[in-house]
Amino acid sequence: MYQWWLEDMYLKNMLPLPVNSNPGWVFPKQKFETIESMLSYMTKLIIGLCNFKQNLEAQTLPEELAGGRSGGPKMPLCMIQYERLLNAYRKPGNGQDSLECTKIDPRNNEHVVVMVNTYLYKMPIKVDSKWLSFQTILKMLMQIHEEASELDELPMNQRAPLLTSQARNVWFETRSQLLETEENTQALESIESCLFIVCLDHAPQNPTDVERSQKDMFKQMLTGMGTRFNGSNRWFDKTIQVSIQDLKFFKQLSQTKRTCSSN
């Protein structure tokens, strides 16, 4: 049942992932007075996901139970979906995508990919088996944000993340062409093997508009509001993308990885 559901409902669906497949949600509003306060908040989210990864590795997540019928004993639920949150990647295919999953076992080094102002940065969060501290991660985020903010946005024909918003068979063909060079191969490997994506967005509206609708906030989270705003700040194949800007922060999931077996 699980394999049929995964392939028929998701992997064989060649429509673009944004809107058609990837869900997401808007988190409670946060007010950031400075860039540092915004990046400090993002650092807390990164640390939290790192702690979650360590719980997965140690198999210390509490087992979820469903209530039995008529007061009967509770039944354990499948927990495998949690493992796919941080170790799965949806790779485009010709007629059917594939779900690439690595082992949940601890690795000596871990990284995330930070997307800001149309640029992508590989940022370490675990080095030589040691998870980095809050201050170290915050300092790197500050440096990345400062550097990217001083650069001109890339021209539209150089924004590789936009390719992940295409129909899946189109992205498959384009990805095959990208893999013809060693530099592109290494860049894609870094993206596909990261724990998750961190999106540092520009505010897509007047920051004084405090009455922004939930609908617009969700659109910003889910799509980046197109190429005019933060559409180049998304990599839709990755399971988790955490997006933040000076009004709110959001989380987006790739639906495929959250499907679990019934046994």
C-alpha atoms as a PDB file:
ATOM      1  CA  MET A   1       0.000   0.000   0.000  1.00  0.00           C
ATOM      2  CA  TYR A   2       2.750   2.435   0.958  1.00  0.00           C
ATOM      3  CA  GLN A   3       4.744   2.052  -2.267  1.00  0.00           C
ATOM      4  CA  TRP A   4       1.638   2.348  -4.423  1.00  0.00           C
ATOM      5  CA  TRP A   5       0.515   5.503  -2.617  1.00  0.00           C
ATOM      6  CA  LEU A   6       3.956   7.077  -2.808  1.00  0.00           C
ATOM      7  CA  GLU A   7       4.405   6.436  -6.525  1.00  0.00           C
ATOM      8  CA  ASP A   8       0.858   6.917  -7.792  1.00  0.00           C
ATOM      9  CA  MET A   9      -0.066   9.964  -5.731  1.00  0.00           C
ATOM     10  CA  TYR A  10       3.277  11.779  -5.728  1.00  0.00           C
ATOM     11  CA  LEU A  11       6.234  10.494  -7.700  1.00  0.00           C
ATOM     12  CA  LYS A  12       4.306   9.966 -10.950  1.00  0.00           C
ATOM     13  CA  ASN A  13       2.762  13.423 -10.722  1.00  0.00           C
ATOM     14  CA  MET A  14       4.775  15.517 -13.189  1.00  0.00           C
ATOM     15  CA  LEU A  15       3.115  18.826 -12.327  1.00  0.00           C
ATOM     16  CA  PRO A  16       5.328  21.520 -10.767  1.00  0.00           C
ATOM     17  CA  LEU A  17       5.768  21.003  -7.012  1.00  0.00           C
ATOM     18  CA  PRO A  18       4.737  24.492  -5.813  1.00  0.00           C
ATOM     19  CA  VAL A  19       0.980  24.627  -5.103  1.00  0.00           C
ATOM     20  CA  ASN A  20       0.363  21.198  -6.708  1.00  0.00           C
ATOM     21  CA  SER A  21       2.267  19.034  -4.205  1.00  0.00           C
ATOM     22  CA  ASN A  22       4.235  20.892  -1.540  1.00  0.00           C
ATOM     23  CA  PRO A  23       2.260  21.950   1.539  1.00  0.00           C
ATOM     24  CA  GLY A  24       3.324  24.424   4.179  1.00  0.00           C
ATOM     25  CA  TRP A  25       2.144  26.618   6.980  1.00  0.00           C
ATOM     26  CA  VAL A  26       2.535  30.089   8.444  1.00  0.00           C
ATOM     27  CA  PHE A  27       3.854  30.300  11.990  1.00  0.00           C
ATOM     28  CA  PRO A  28       2.828  32.906  14.601  1.00  0.00           C
ATOM     29  CA  LYS A  29       3.890  36.457  13.829  1.00  0.00           C
ATOM     30  CA  GLN A  30       7.245  37.652  15.117  1.00  0.00           C
ATOM     31  CA  LYS A  31       8.471  41.238  15.255  1.00  0.00           C
ATOM     32  CA  PHE A  32      12.109  41.842  14.412  1.00  0.00           C
ATOM     33  CA  GLU A  33      13.613  45.220  15.180  1.00  0.00           C
ATOM     34  CA  THR A  34      16.981  44.468  13.557  1.00  0.00           C
ATOM     35  CA  ILE A  35      18.559  42.056  11.086  1.00  0.00           C
ATOM     36  CA  GLU A  36      20.448  40.485  13.985  1.00  0.00           C
ATOM     37  CA  SER A  37      17.246  39.780  15.889  1.00  0.00           C
ATOM     38  CA  MET A  38      15.763  38.155  12.786  1.00  0.00           C
ATOM     39  CA  LEU A  39      18.847  35.992  12.253  1.00  0.00           C
ATOM     40  CA  SER A  40      18.973  35.131  15.963  1.00  0.00           C
ATOM     41  CA  TYR A  41      15.460  33.767  15.641  1.00  0.00           C
ATOM     42  CA  MET A  42      16.449  31.747  12.594  1.00  0.00           C
ATOM     43  CA  THR A  43      19.453  30.409  14.502  1.00  0.00           C
ATOM     44  CA  LYS A  44      17.110  29.119  17.210  1.00  0.00           C
ATOM     45  CA  LEU A  45      15.122  27.272  14.552  1.00  0.00           C
ATOM     46  CA  ILE A  46      18.293  25.763  13.122  1.00  0.00           C
ATOM     47  CA  ILE A  47      19.445  24.634  16.583  1.00  0.00           C
ATOM     48  CA  GLY A  48      15.997  23.145  17.231  1.00  0.00           C
ATOM     49  CA  LEU A  49      16.107  21.105  14.017  1.00  0.00           C
ATOM     50  CA  CYS A  50      19.648  19.979  14.865  1.00  0.00           C
ATOM     51  CA  ASN A  51      18.391  18.759  18.254  1.00  0.00           C
ATOM     52  CA  PHE A  52      15.565  16.930  16.483  1.00  0.00           C
ATOM     53  CA  LYS A  53      18.128  15.263  14.196  1.00  0.00           C
ATOM     54  CA  GLN A  54      20.092  14.082  17.244  1.00  0.00           C
ATOM     55  CA  ASN A  55      16.913  12.593  18.731  1.00  0.00           C
ATOM     56  CA  LEU A  56      16.312  10.750  15.473  1.00  0.00           C
ATOM     57  CA  GLU A  57      19.847   9.385  15.477  1.00  0.00           C
ATOM     58  CA  ALA A  58      19.547   8.244  19.101  1.00  0.00           C
ATOM     59  CA  GLN A  59      16.026   6.867  18.487  1.00  0.00           C
ATOM     60  CA  THR A  60      14.745   8.785  21.507  1.00  0.00           C
ATOM     61  CA  LEU A  61      11.598  10.254  19.969  1.00  0.00           C
ATOM     62  CA  PRO A  62       8.588   9.186  22.047  1.00  0.00           C
ATOM     63  CA  GLU A  63       6.396   6.709  20.222  1.00  0.00           C
ATOM     64  CA  GLU A  64       3.090   8.151  19.070  1.00  0.00           C
ATOM     65  CA  LEU A  65      -0.034   6.206  19.990  1.00  0.00           C
ATOM     66  CA  ALA A  66      -3.576   6.193  18.654  1.00  0.00           C
ATOM     67  CA  GLY A  67      -6.506   5.660  20.975  1.00  0.00           C
ATOM     68  CA  GLY A  68      -8.124   2.253  20.718  1.00  0.00           C
ATOM     69  CA  ARG A  69     -11.789   1.741  19.922  1.00  0.00           C
ATOM     70  CA  SER A  70     -14.236   1.707  22.804  1.00  0.00           C
ATOM     71  CA  GLY A  71     -11.537   2.424  25.320  1.00  0.00           C
ATOM     72  CA  GLY A  72      -9.308  -0.390  24.159  1.00  0.00           C
ATOM     73  CA  PRO A  73      -5.516  -0.306  24.366  1.00  0.00           C
ATOM     74  CA  LYS A  74      -3.694   2.363  22.404  1.00  0.00           C
ATOM     75  CA  MET A  75      -1.929   1.306  19.237  1.00  0.00           C
ATOM     76  CA  PRO A  76       1.550   2.483  18.135  1.00  0.00           C
ATOM     77  CA  LEU A  77       1.705   4.601  14.987  1.00  0.00           C
ATOM     78  CA  CYS A  78       4.290   4.425  12.221  1.00  0.00           C
ATOM     79  CA  MET A  79       7.242   6.718  13.014  1.00  0.00           C
ATOM     80  CA  ILE A  80       9.252   6.252   9.823  1.00  0.00           C
ATOM     81  CA  GLN A  81       7.992   9.546   8.359  1.00  0.00           C
ATOM     82  CA  TYR A  82      10.069  11.483  10.884  1.00  0.00           C
ATOM     83  CA  GLU A  83      13.256   9.955   9.534  1.00  0.00           C
ATOM     84  CA  ARG A  84      12.419  11.252   6.058  1.00  0.00           C
ATOM     85  CA  LEU A  85      12.075  14.860   7.192  1.00  0.00           C
ATOM     86  CA  LEU A  86      15.817  15.491   7.186  1.00  0.00           C
ATOM     87  CA  ASN A  87      17.309  12.765   5.026  1.00  0.00           C
ATOM     88  CA  ALA A  88      15.120  12.614   1.901  1.00  0.00           C
ATOM     89  CA  TYR A  89      15.231  14.402  -1.426  1.00  0.00           C
ATOM     90  CA  ARG A  90      12.800  14.290  -4.332  1.00  0.00           C
ATOM     91  CA  LYS A  91      14.879  13.870  -7.481  1.00  0.00           C
ATOM     92  CA  PRO A  92      13.194  14.718 -10.807  1.00  0.00           C
ATOM     93  CA  GLY A  93      12.664  11.899 -13.287  1.00  0.00           C
ATOM     94  CA  ASN A  94      11.372  11.309 -16.792  1.00  0.00           C
ATOM     95  CA  GLY A  95       7.808  10.200 -16.133  1.00  0.00           C
ATOM     96  CA  GLN A  96       8.403   9.439 -12.456  1.00  0.00           C
ATOM     97  CA  ASP A  97      10.479  11.098  -9.765  1.00  0.00           C
ATOM     98  CA  SER A  98      12.534   9.131  -7.259  1.00  0.00           C
ATOM     99  CA  LEU A  99      12.718   9.554  -3.508  1.00  0.00           C
ATOM    100  CA  GLU A 100      16.363   9.484  -2.470  1.00  0.00           C
ATOM    101  CA  CYS A 101      16.815   8.659   1.235  1.00  0.00           C
ATOM    102  CA  THR A 102      20.080   8.466   3.131  1.00  0.00           C
ATOM    103  CA  LYS A 103      20.523   6.543   6.371  1.00  0.00           C
ATOM    104  CA  ILE A 104      19.556   8.347   9.556  1.00  0.00           C
ATOM    105  CA  ASP A 105      22.864   7.306  11.135  1.00  0.00           C
ATOM    106  CA  PRO A 106      25.086  10.093  12.512  1.00  0.00           C
ATOM    107  CA  ARG A 107      27.497  11.720  10.064  1.00  0.00           C
ATOM    108  CA  ASN A 108      30.739  13.494  10.933  1.00  0.00           C
ATOM    109  CA  ASN A 109      29.703  16.612   9.062  1.00  0.00           C
ATOM    110  CA  GLU A 110      26.325  18.187   8.365  1.00  0.00           C
ATOM    111  CA  HIS A 111      25.344  21.357   6.544  1.00  0.00           C
ATOM    112  CA  VAL A 112      22.394  23.454   5.468  1.00  0.00           C
ATOM    113  CA  VAL A 113      21.983  25.605   2.374  1.00  0.00           C
ATOM    114  CA  VAL A 114      21.213  29.286   2.939  1.00  0.00           C
ATOM    115  CA  MET A 115      19.403  31.084   0.121  1.00  0.00           C
ATOM    116  CA  VAL A 116      19.455  34.882   0.080  1.00  0.00           C
ATOM    117  CA  ASN A 117      19.210  37.545  -2.633  1.00  0.00           C
ATOM    118  CA  THR A 118      19.277  34.867  -5.402  1.00  0.00           C
ATOM    119  CA  TYR A 119      22.517  33.303  -4.043  1.00  0.00           C
ATOM    120  CA  LEU A 120      23.083  29.925  -2.358  1.00  0.00           C
ATOM    121  CA  TYR A 121      25.576  29.304   0.457  1.00  0.00           C
ATOM    122  CA  LYS A 122      26.678  25.992   1.956  1.00  0.00           C
ATOM    123  CA  MET A 123      26.805  26.536   5.724  1.00  0.00           C
ATOM    124  CA  PRO A 124      28.224  23.891   8.093  1.00  0.00           C
ATOM    125  CA  ILE A 125      26.299  23.111  11.269  1.00  0.00           C
ATOM    126  CA  LYS A 126      28.271  20.032  12.358  1.00  0.00           C
ATOM    127  CA  VAL A 127      32.042  19.685  11.935  1.00  0.00           C
ATOM    128  CA  ASP A 128      34.187  16.696  12.930  1.00  0.00           C
ATOM    129  CA  SER A 129      31.241  15.097  14.785  1.00  0.00           C
ATOM    130  CA  LYS A 130      30.589  18.279  16.822  1.00  0.00           C
ATOM    131  CA  TRP A 131      27.430  20.346  16.405  1.00  0.00           C
ATOM    132  CA  LEU A 132      28.232  24.051  16.161  1.00  0.00           C
ATOM    133  CA  SER A 133      27.133  26.515  18.846  1.00  0.00           C
ATOM    134  CA  PHE A 134      24.407  29.141  18.658  1.00  0.00           C
ATOM    135  CA  GLN A 135      26.930  31.979  18.451  1.00  0.00           C
ATOM    136  CA  THR A 136      28.923  30.284  15.687  1.00  0.00           C
ATOM    137  CA  ILE A 137      25.851  29.690  13.533  1.00  0.00           C
ATOM    138  CA  LEU A 138      24.543  33.219  14.139  1.00  0.00           C
ATOM    139  CA  LYS A 139      27.902  34.696  13.146  1.00  0.00           C
ATOM    140  CA  MET A 140      27.918  32.737   9.881  1.00  0.00           C
ATOM    141  CA  LEU A 141      24.350  33.802   9.095  1.00  0.00           C
ATOM    142  CA  MET A 142      25.277  37.432   9.731  1.00  0.00           C
ATOM    143  CA  GLN A 143      28.278  37.145   7.416  1.00  0.00           C
ATOM    144  CA  ILE A 144      26.247  35.458   4.675  1.00  0.00           C
ATOM    145  CA  HIS A 145      23.454  38.019   4.898  1.00  0.00           C
ATOM    146  CA  GLU A 146      25.893  40.933   4.822  1.00  0.00           C
ATOM    147  CA  GLU A 147      27.817  39.564   1.845  1.00  0.00           C
ATOM    148  CA  ALA A 148      24.729  38.683  -0.216  1.00  0.00           C
ATOM    149  CA  SER A 149      23.094  42.036   0.519  1.00  0.00           C
ATOM    150  CA  GLU A 150      26.033  43.840  -1.089  1.00  0.00           C
ATOM    151  CA  LEU A 151      25.791  41.807  -4.301  1.00  0.00           C
ATOM    152  CA  ASP A 152      23.556  42.520  -7.259  1.00  0.00           C
ATOM    153  CA  GLU A 153      20.848  39.946  -7.852  1.00  0.00           C
ATOM    154  CA  LEU A 154      21.742  37.329 -10.431  1.00  0.00           C
ATOM    155  CA  PRO A 155      20.175  37.717 -13.878  1.00  0.00           C
ATOM    156  CA  MET A 156      17.120  35.561 -14.407  1.00  0.00           C
ATOM    157  CA  ASN A 157      18.907  33.063 -16.669  1.00  0.00           C
ATOM    158  CA  GLN A 158      21.428  32.275 -13.898  1.00  0.00           C
ATOM    159  CA  ARG A 159      18.935  31.529 -11.112  1.00  0.00           C
ATOM    160  CA  ALA A 160      19.129  27.742 -10.856  1.00  0.00           C
ATOM    161  CA  PRO A 161      16.539  27.438  -8.036  1.00  0.00           C
ATOM    162  CA  LEU A 162      13.805  28.527 -10.457  1.00  0.00           C
ATOM    163  CA  LEU A 163      14.336  25.271 -12.343  1.00  0.00           C
ATOM    164  CA  THR A 164      12.869  23.304  -9.426  1.00  0.00           C
ATOM    165  CA  SER A 165       9.522  25.069  -9.957  1.00  0.00           C
ATOM    166  CA  GLN A 166       9.121  23.677 -13.475  1.00  0.00           C
ATOM    167  CA  ALA A 167       7.202  20.613 -14.596  1.00  0.00           C
ATOM    168  CA  ARG A 168       9.116  17.613 -13.324  1.00  0.00           C
ATOM    169  CA  ASN A 169      10.074  16.160 -16.731  1.00  0.00           C
ATOM    170  CA  VAL A 170      11.375  19.592 -17.818  1.00  0.00           C
ATOM    171  CA  TRP A 171      13.467  19.896 -14.638  1.00  0.00           C
ATOM    172  CA  PHE A 172      14.732  16.339 -15.197  1.00  0.00           C
ATOM    173  CA  GLU A 173      16.053  17.248 -18.656  1.00  0.00           C
ATOM    174  CA  THR A 174      17.613  20.490 -17.442  1.00  0.00           C
ATOM    175  CA  ARG A 175      19.209  18.788 -14.443  1.00  0.00           C
ATOM    176  CA  SER A 176      20.757  16.184 -16.756  1.00  0.00           C
ATOM    177  CA  GLN A 177      22.394  19.003 -18.706  1.00  0.00           C
ATOM    178  CA  LEU A 178      23.673  20.638 -15.528  1.00  0.00           C
ATOM    179  CA  LEU A 179      25.313  17.391 -14.447  1.00  0.00           C
ATOM    180  CA  GLU A 180      27.581  17.499 -17.495  1.00  0.00           C
ATOM    181  CA  THR A 181      30.020  19.758 -15.609  1.00  0.00           C
ATOM    182  CA  GLU A 182      31.883  18.875 -12.406  1.00  0.00           C
ATOM    183  CA  GLU A 183      31.143  22.248 -10.808  1.00  0.00           C
ATOM    184  CA  ASN A 184      27.391  21.854 -11.239  1.00  0.00           C
ATOM    185  CA  THR A 185      27.531  18.240 -10.061  1.00  0.00           C
ATOM    186  CA  GLN A 186      29.232  19.271  -6.818  1.00  0.00           C
ATOM    187  CA  ALA A 187      26.787  22.148  -6.278  1.00  0.00           C
ATOM    188  CA  LEU A 188      23.744  19.894  -6.746  1.00  0.00           C
ATOM    189  CA  GLU A 189      25.239  17.269  -4.446  1.00  0.00           C
ATOM    190  CA  SER A 190      25.643  19.887  -1.710  1.00  0.00           C
ATOM    191  CA  ILE A 191      22.022  20.970  -2.080  1.00  0.00           C
ATOM    192  CA  GLU A 192      20.605  17.463  -2.240  1.00  0.00           C
ATOM    193  CA  SER A 193      22.571  16.255   0.801  1.00  0.00           C
ATOM    194  CA  CYS A 194      21.862  19.218   3.107  1.00  0.00           C
ATOM    195  CA  LEU A 195      19.626  18.739   6.139  1.00  0.00           C
ATOM    196  CA  PHE A 196      17.282  21.530   5.105  1.00  0.00           C
ATOM    197  CA  ILE A 197      17.078  24.896   3.327  1.00  0.00           C
ATOM    198  CA  VAL A 198      17.219  28.268   5.072  1.00  0.00           C
ATOM    199  CA  CYS A 199      15.535  31.066   3.075  1.00  0.00           C
ATOM    200  CA  LEU A 200      16.316  34.659   4.069  1.00  0.00           C
ATOM    201  CA  ASP A 201      13.703  36.631   2.165  1.00  0.00           C
ATOM    202  CA  HIS A 202      13.167  40.245   1.236  1.00  0.00           C
ATOM    203  CA  ALA A 203       9.908  41.716   2.539  1.00  0.00           C
ATOM    204  CA  PRO A 204       7.535  41.499  -0.473  1.00  0.00           C
ATOM    205  CA  GLN A 205       5.421  44.408   0.737  1.00  0.00           C
ATOM    206  CA  ASN A 206       5.543  47.655   2.642  1.00  0.00           C
ATOM    207  CA  PRO A 207       6.813  46.678   6.131  1.00  0.00           C
ATOM    208  CA  THR A 208       4.387  49.165   7.702  1.00  0.00           C
ATOM    209  CA  ASP A 209       1.434  47.132   6.401  1.00  0.00           C
ATOM    210  CA  VAL A 210       0.748  45.217   9.590  1.00  0.00           C
ATOM    211  CA  GLU A 211      -2.625  43.948   8.345  1.00  0.00           C
ATOM    212  CA  ARG A 212      -1.203  41.623   5.734  1.00  0.00           C
ATOM    213  CA  SER A 213      -3.647  38.810   5.045  1.00  0.00           C
ATOM    214  CA  GLN A 214      -3.030  35.173   5.894  1.00  0.00           C
ATOM    215  CA  LYS A 215      -3.575  34.357   2.221  1.00  0.00           C
ATOM    216  CA  ASP A 216      -0.740  36.624   1.087  1.00  0.00           C
ATOM    217  CA  MET A 217       1.570  35.345   3.816  1.00  0.00           C
ATOM    218  CA  PHE A 218       0.900  31.769   2.760  1.00  0.00           C
ATOM    219  CA  LYS A 219       1.578  32.631  -0.877  1.00  0.00           C
ATOM    220  CA  GLN A 220       4.874  34.221   0.132  1.00  0.00           C
ATOM    221  CA  MET A 221       5.867  31.119   2.058  1.00  0.00           C
ATOM    222  CA  LEU A 222       4.754  28.598  -0.543  1.00  0.00           C
ATOM    223  CA  THR A 223       5.973  30.243  -3.752  1.00  0.00           C
ATOM    224  CA  GLY A 224       8.167  33.182  -2.765  1.00  0.00           C
ATOM    225  CA  MET A 225       5.629  35.405  -4.536  1.00  0.00           C
ATOM    226  CA  GLY A 226       7.202  34.707  -7.914  1.00  0.00           C
ATOM    227  CA  THR A 227      10.376  35.979  -9.526  1.00  0.00           C
ATOM    228  CA  ARG A 228       9.639  39.618  -8.659  1.00  0.00           C
ATOM    229  CA  PHE A 229      10.173  38.857  -4.983  1.00  0.00           C
ATOM    230  CA  ASN A 230      11.535  35.634  -3.441  1.00  0.00           C
ATOM    231  CA  GLY A 231      10.734  32.941  -5.987  1.00  0.00           C
ATOM    232  CA  SER A 232      14.481  32.461  -6.525  1.00  0.00           C
ATOM    233  CA  ASN A 233      14.870  31.777  -2.796  1.00  0.00           C
ATOM    234  CA  ARG A 234      13.260  28.342  -2.909  1.00  0.00           C
ATOM    235  CA  TRP A 235      14.526  24.844  -3.744  1.00  0.00           C
ATOM    236  CA  PHE A 236      11.281  22.915  -4.040  1.00  0.00           C
ATOM    237  CA  ASP A 237      12.788  19.401  -4.161  1.00  0.00           C
ATOM    238  CA  LYS A 238      14.046  19.611  -0.570  1.00  0.00           C
ATOM    239  CA  THR A 239      11.861  18.314   2.240  1.00  0.00           C
ATOM    240  CA  ILE A 240      12.082  21.253   4.637  1.00  0.00           C
ATOM    241  CA  GLN A 241      12.555  24.911   3.797  1.00  0.00           C
ATOM    242  CA  VAL A 242      12.367  27.437   6.610  1.00  0.00           C
ATOM    243  CA  SER A 243      11.692  30.928   5.292  1.00  0.00           C
ATOM    244  CA  ILE A 244      12.002  34.135   7.252  1.00  0.00           C
ATOM    245  CA  GLN A 245      11.715  37.853   6.601  1.00  0.00           C
ATOM    246  CA  ASP A 246      11.133  40.895   8.714  1.00  0.00           C
ATOM    247  CA  LEU A 247       7.413  40.312   9.246  1.00  0.00           C
ATOM    248  CA  LYS A 248       6.984  36.578   9.808  1.00  0.00           C
ATOM    249  CA  PHE A 249       8.590  33.200   9.341  1.00  0.00           C
ATOM    250  CA  PHE A 250       7.231  30.207   7.542  1.00  0.00           C
ATOM    251  CA  LYS A 251       7.880  26.530   6.969  1.00  0.00           C
ATOM    252  CA  GLN A 252       7.352  24.526   3.810  1.00  0.00           C
ATOM    253  CA  LEU A 253       7.426  20.767   3.393  1.00  0.00           C
ATOM    254  CA  SER A 254       7.643  18.541   0.396  1.00  0.00           C
ATOM    255  CA  GLN A 255       4.575  16.319   0.810  1.00  0.00           C
ATOM    256  CA  THR A 256       6.235  13.207  -0.614  1.00  0.00           C
ATOM    257  CA  LYS A 257       8.539  12.630   2.319  1.00  0.00           C
ATOM    258  CA  ARG A 258       5.789  12.808   4.924  1.00  0.00           C
ATOM    259  CA  THR A 259       3.982   9.746   3.616  1.00  0.00           C
ATOM    260  CA  CYS A 260       4.502   6.688   5.795  1.00  0.00           C
ATOM    261  CA  SER A 261       3.683   3.020   5.660  1.00  0.00           C
ATOM    262  CA  SER A 262       0.781   1.535   7.551  1.00  0.00           C
ATOM    263  CA  ASN A 263       2.821  -1.189   9.208  1.00  0.00           C
END
